[in-house]
Protein backbone atom coordinates (compact mmCIF):
# COMPACT_ATOMS: atom_id res chain seq x y z
CA UNK A 1 -0.02 0.11 0.04
CA UNK A 2 1.10 3.51 -0.92
CA UNK A 3 -0.06 6.40 0.89
CA UNK A 4 0.55 10.05 -0.24
CA UNK A 5 1.47 12.62 2.25
CA UNK A 6 2.11 16.43 2.20
CA UNK A 7 6.06 17.19 2.04
CA UNK A 8 5.80 18.66 5.49
CA UNK A 9 4.23 16.03 7.29
CA UNK A 10 7.09 13.64 5.34
CA UNK A 11 9.32 16.03 6.90
CA UNK A 12 8.00 15.76 10.19
CA UNK A 13 7.57 12.05 10.04
CA UNK A 14 11.59 12.15 9.15
CA UNK A 15 12.76 13.98 11.93
CA UNK A 16 10.71 12.00 14.55
CA UNK A 17 12.38 8.79 12.94
CA UNK A 18 15.94 9.92 13.17
CA UNK A 19 14.91 10.88 17.10
CA UNK A 20 13.82 7.81 17.73
CA UNK A 21 16.13 5.97 15.61
CA UNK A 22 13.53 4.28 13.92
CA UNK A 23 12.61 4.22 9.96
CA UNK A 24 9.88 6.73 8.85
CA UNK A 25 7.85 3.55 7.95
CA UNK A 26 7.86 2.40 11.49
CA UNK A 27 7.06 5.87 12.80
CA UNK A 28 4.32 6.05 10.73
CA UNK A 29 2.93 2.36 11.60
CA UNK A 30 3.44 3.31 15.04
CA UNK A 31 1.51 6.05 15.03
CA UNK A 32 -1.58 5.01 12.99
CA UNK A 33 -1.78 1.78 15.66
CA UNK A 34 -1.60 4.38 18.34
CA UNK A 35 -4.35 6.27 16.76
CA UNK A 36 -6.73 3.39 16.22
CA UNK A 37 -5.95 1.83 19.51
CA UNK A 38 -6.56 5.16 21.52
CA UNK A 39 -9.83 5.75 23.35
CA UNK A 40 -11.56 6.78 20.30
CA UNK A 41 -11.40 3.06 19.16
CA UNK A 42 -14.79 0.95 19.51
CA UNK A 43 -12.46 -1.77 20.69
CA UNK A 44 -11.19 0.73 23.98
CA UNK A 45 -14.63 1.90 24.69
CA UNK A 46 -15.63 -1.69 25.05
CA UNK A 47 -13.00 -2.68 26.90
CA UNK A 48 -13.51 0.12 29.24
CA UNK A 49 -16.90 -0.51 29.72
CA UNK A 50 -16.20 -4.26 30.40
CA UNK A 51 -13.86 -3.27 32.99
CA UNK A 52 -16.10 -1.38 35.14
CA UNK A 53 -16.86 -2.87 38.47
CA UNK A 54 -20.31 -4.65 38.60
CA UNK A 55 -22.76 -2.72 41.16
CA UNK A 56 -23.32 -4.60 44.68
CA UNK A 57 -26.72 -6.04 45.03
CA UNK A 58 -27.11 -3.12 47.49
CA UNK A 59 -26.57 -0.93 45.14
CA UNK A 60 -28.89 -2.14 42.77
CA UNK A 61 -31.21 -2.43 45.46
CA UNK A 62 -30.90 1.57 46.29
CA UNK A 63 -31.30 2.22 42.61
CA UNK A 64 -34.80 0.46 42.52
CA UNK A 65 -35.60 2.20 45.52
CA UNK A 66 -35.05 5.79 43.98
CA UNK A 67 -36.43 4.86 40.57
CA UNK A 68 -39.85 3.67 42.54
CA UNK A 69 -39.53 6.69 44.91
CA UNK A 70 -39.35 8.95 41.44
CA UNK A 71 -42.75 7.58 40.37
CA UNK A 72 -45.58 9.25 39.27
CA UNK A 73 -48.93 7.83 40.59
CA UNK A 74 -50.98 6.31 37.97
CA UNK A 75 -54.18 8.09 36.92
CA UNK A 76 -57.09 5.58 36.36
CA UNK A 77 -59.41 8.24 35.20
CA UNK A 78 -59.53 9.45 31.66
CA UNK A 79 -58.83 13.02 31.15
CA UNK A 80 -61.91 13.84 29.81
CA UNK A 81 -63.96 11.81 33.14
CA UNK A 82 -63.13 14.86 34.95
CA UNK A 83 -65.25 17.67 33.02
CA UNK A 84 -68.65 17.99 33.97
CA UNK A 85 -70.38 18.13 30.72
CA UNK A 86 -73.60 20.30 30.54
CA UNK A 87 -76.25 19.75 27.92
CA UNK A 88 -77.16 23.11 26.24
CA UNK A 89 -80.64 23.29 25.71
């Protein structure tokens, strides 16, 4: 595969490669791997989510109680049942 890049970017890669005693191709590959393995990678996000600790049973019970406490009461009557209709003659 051949990738064409601007001259200024090529010069920057050459400088980085010289400083790291690597080839330009190796620096480019390392940079691409770091980009795709970074936090923006869906695989890294999935890995981070899977690494989260599982909540305790008590924490789940507390959440269920908070959700139940925040529920509004259910109204059985229709919105129109509370209106009084008058027959106009």
